[in-house]
């Protein structure tokens, strides 16, 4: 169930994410992403906040991933987001760390710094605390920049996941990998 919002934001409820995401699920998704990246001759970088490097870990669990994984940034703090991937202080103060604007800047910044073809960024509220009425626990923003979809055209999506901290983070990793795979298969950067 997809609908478009402002600036191409897609809001959905991901029914498949409502079940427990296993390590095997993540491995299979990472394998598929790797195969698609390898076929395209691309490399990927991650810029992660609430997943704290888990997307990069899932990708590098696949043998041969050095052919298509460039690097990963864990930008958990606002200071790291600004220092490592160039998120502006203004964006953080006006929109917060968990926002479309922030993940767009994270993805674009990671791609700019590394020069790779695909960058994926994630920032969210995994819980058990930190949520607000506007951004409850389970709110996660995703951003992907590719050669064809970058700058203001970077693809951003918002998800709301249910479950405890581990479940929210697992669902976030799975969704990030599915998003990368969907864009690769759709030719959004090729």
Protein backbone atom coordinates (compact mmCIF):
# COMPACT_ATOMS: atom_id res chain seq x y z
CA UNK A 1 0.00 0.00 0.00
CA UNK A 2 1.88 3.11 -1.27
CA UNK A 3 0.89 6.73 -1.45
CA UNK A 4 2.99 9.76 -2.27
CA UNK A 5 3.38 12.74 -0.01
CA UNK A 6 5.35 15.96 -0.29
CA UNK A 7 8.59 15.89 -2.26
CA UNK A 8 8.02 12.31 -3.42
CA UNK A 9 7.87 10.86 0.09
CA UNK A 10 6.19 7.49 0.12
CA UNK A 11 4.17 6.56 3.19
CA UNK A 12 3.29 2.91 3.59
CA UNK A 13 2.39 0.25 6.02
CA UNK A 14 4.65 -2.69 5.29
CA UNK A 15 2.61 -5.76 6.17
CA UNK A 16 5.59 -8.07 5.60
CA UNK A 17 7.55 -6.17 8.26
CA UNK A 18 4.97 -7.04 10.92
CA UNK A 19 6.40 -10.52 11.36
CA UNK A 20 9.67 -11.25 13.13
CA UNK A 21 12.64 -10.59 10.86
CA UNK A 22 15.25 -13.34 11.28
CA UNK A 23 19.00 -13.32 10.67
CA UNK A 24 18.33 -15.63 7.70
CA UNK A 25 15.89 -13.09 6.24
CA UNK A 26 18.53 -10.37 6.50
CA UNK A 27 21.19 -12.62 4.95
CA UNK A 28 18.97 -13.50 1.99
CA UNK A 29 18.10 -9.84 1.39
CA UNK A 30 21.76 -8.83 1.65
CA UNK A 31 22.71 -11.58 -0.81
CA UNK A 32 20.14 -10.27 -3.30
CA UNK A 33 21.32 -6.68 -2.87
CA UNK A 34 24.91 -7.79 -3.39
CA UNK A 35 24.04 -9.74 -6.51
CA UNK A 36 22.21 -6.73 -7.96
CA UNK A 37 25.03 -4.33 -7.06
CA UNK A 38 27.61 -6.68 -8.58
CA UNK A 39 25.55 -7.02 -11.78
CA UNK A 40 25.33 -3.21 -12.05
CA UNK A 41 29.03 -2.77 -11.29
CA UNK A 42 28.10 -0.61 -8.31
CA UNK A 43 29.32 -0.12 -4.75
CA UNK A 44 27.27 0.93 -1.72
CA UNK A 45 27.86 3.00 1.41
CA UNK A 46 25.63 3.13 4.49
CA UNK A 47 24.98 6.04 6.85
CA UNK A 48 23.18 4.65 9.89
CA UNK A 49 21.78 6.08 13.07
CA UNK A 50 19.22 3.84 14.85
CA UNK A 51 20.56 0.68 13.16
CA UNK A 52 24.11 1.53 14.31
CA UNK A 53 25.93 -0.29 11.52
CA UNK A 54 23.59 -3.27 11.26
CA UNK A 55 22.87 -2.67 7.55
CA UNK A 56 26.61 -2.68 6.81
CA UNK A 57 26.99 -5.79 8.98
CA UNK A 58 24.21 -7.59 7.08
CA UNK A 59 25.80 -6.67 3.74
CA UNK A 60 29.28 -7.76 4.81
CA UNK A 61 28.00 -11.07 6.19
CA UNK A 62 27.81 -12.14 2.53
CA UNK A 63 31.08 -13.64 1.23
CA UNK A 64 32.59 -11.52 -1.54
CA UNK A 65 30.94 -8.33 -0.27
CA UNK A 66 34.22 -6.45 -0.61
CA UNK A 67 33.39 -6.34 -4.33
CA UNK A 68 30.34 -4.13 -3.72
CA UNK A 69 30.49 -2.65 -0.19
CA UNK A 70 32.58 0.49 0.09
CA UNK A 71 32.06 1.61 3.68
CA UNK A 72 29.62 2.39 6.44
CA UNK A 73 29.14 5.34 8.76
CA UNK A 74 27.54 5.01 12.17
CA UNK A 75 26.24 8.52 12.71
CA UNK A 76 24.33 7.99 15.94
CA UNK A 77 24.86 11.47 17.35
CA UNK A 78 23.93 14.74 15.68
CA UNK A 79 27.60 15.73 15.86
CA UNK A 80 28.54 12.62 13.84
CA UNK A 81 25.81 13.32 11.30
CA UNK A 82 27.26 16.80 10.74
CA UNK A 83 30.96 15.82 10.88
CA UNK A 84 30.93 12.57 8.92
CA UNK A 85 28.25 12.96 6.26
CA UNK A 86 27.64 16.70 6.15
CA UNK A 87 24.14 17.06 7.62
CA UNK A 88 23.63 20.76 8.31
CA UNK A 89 23.06 22.04 11.82
CA UNK A 90 20.10 23.97 10.47
CA UNK A 91 18.44 20.80 9.14
CA UNK A 92 18.85 19.11 12.51
CA UNK A 93 17.52 22.08 14.46
CA UNK A 94 14.56 22.68 12.12
CA UNK A 95 13.56 19.08 11.37
CA UNK A 96 15.28 16.87 13.94
CA UNK A 97 17.46 13.82 13.45
CA UNK A 98 14.48 11.63 12.55
CA UNK A 99 13.24 13.40 9.43
CA UNK A 100 13.11 13.26 5.67
CA UNK A 101 15.49 16.22 5.39
CA UNK A 102 18.08 14.56 7.63
CA UNK A 103 18.14 11.17 5.88
CA UNK A 104 18.26 12.90 2.49
CA UNK A 105 21.34 14.85 3.63
CA UNK A 106 22.85 11.71 5.19
CA UNK A 107 22.48 9.71 1.96
CA UNK A 108 23.69 12.53 -0.28
CA UNK A 109 26.60 13.27 2.05
CA UNK A 110 27.73 9.64 2.27
CA UNK A 111 27.59 9.35 -1.50
CA UNK A 112 29.48 12.63 -1.97
CA UNK A 113 32.22 11.69 0.52
CA UNK A 114 32.80 8.21 -0.94
CA UNK A 115 31.96 8.71 -4.61
CA UNK A 116 30.07 5.41 -4.80
CA UNK A 117 26.97 4.76 -6.87
CA UNK A 118 24.49 4.04 -4.04
CA UNK A 119 24.16 5.37 -0.50
CA UNK A 120 21.51 4.32 1.98
CA UNK A 121 20.73 6.23 5.16
CA UNK A 122 18.47 5.49 8.12
CA UNK A 123 17.46 7.45 11.20
CA UNK A 124 14.71 6.53 13.61
CA UNK A 125 13.42 6.00 17.12
CA UNK A 126 13.94 2.38 18.13
CA UNK A 127 12.78 2.83 21.74
CA UNK A 128 11.90 2.00 24.34
CA UNK A 129 12.03 5.75 25.00
CA UNK A 130 12.70 8.83 22.89
CA UNK A 131 9.35 8.91 21.12
CA UNK A 132 6.96 11.86 21.01
CA UNK A 133 3.38 12.32 19.88
CA UNK A 134 4.64 13.51 16.47
CA UNK A 135 7.40 10.89 16.22
CA UNK A 136 6.46 7.82 18.27
CA UNK A 137 8.77 4.89 18.97
CA UNK A 138 9.02 2.88 15.76
CA UNK A 139 9.23 5.94 13.48
CA UNK A 140 12.04 5.40 10.98
CA UNK A 141 13.08 7.46 7.95
CA UNK A 142 15.06 5.97 5.05
CA UNK A 143 16.96 7.80 2.31
CA UNK A 144 18.72 6.47 -0.77
CA UNK A 145 20.91 8.43 -3.14
CA UNK A 146 22.02 6.91 -6.44
CA UNK A 147 23.58 8.28 -9.60
CA UNK A 148 20.11 9.08 -10.96
CA UNK A 149 18.31 9.87 -7.70
CA UNK A 150 20.36 12.27 -5.62
CA UNK A 151 20.22 15.75 -4.20
CA UNK A 152 16.56 16.69 -3.85
CA UNK A 153 15.72 13.61 -5.95
CA UNK A 154 17.05 11.13 -3.41
CA UNK A 155 14.36 8.60 -2.56
CA UNK A 156 13.01 8.95 0.99
CA UNK A 157 10.48 6.79 2.81
CA UNK A 158 8.88 6.85 6.22
CA UNK A 159 7.90 3.71 8.11
CA UNK A 160 6.29 3.05 11.47
CA UNK A 161 7.33 -0.31 12.95
CA UNK A 162 5.83 -2.17 15.88
CA UNK A 163 7.73 -4.14 18.51
CA UNK A 164 10.55 -3.77 20.98
CA UNK A 165 13.90 -2.11 20.24
CA UNK A 166 15.40 -5.19 18.60
CA UNK A 167 12.32 -5.76 16.44
CA UNK A 168 12.20 -2.13 15.29
CA UNK A 169 15.89 -2.25 14.37
CA UNK A 170 15.59 -5.61 12.56
CA UNK A 171 12.61 -4.35 10.57
CA UNK A 172 14.57 -1.20 9.74
CA UNK A 173 17.53 -3.19 8.41
CA UNK A 174 15.20 -5.40 6.36
CA UNK A 175 13.35 -2.42 4.93
CA UNK A 176 16.60 -0.64 4.03
CA UNK A 177 17.79 -3.71 2.14
CA UNK A 178 14.40 -4.13 0.41
CA UNK A 179 14.44 -0.47 -0.60
CA UNK A 180 17.93 -0.74 -2.07
CA UNK A 181 16.93 -3.91 -3.91
CA UNK A 182 13.71 -2.36 -5.23
CA UNK A 183 15.59 0.65 -6.60
CA UNK A 184 18.30 -1.52 -8.14
CA UNK A 185 15.72 -3.76 -9.82
CA UNK A 186 13.70 -0.78 -11.05
CA UNK A 187 16.81 0.71 -12.63
CA UNK A 188 16.51 3.91 -10.55
CA UNK A 189 20.21 4.43 -10.76
CA UNK A 190 21.24 2.58 -13.84
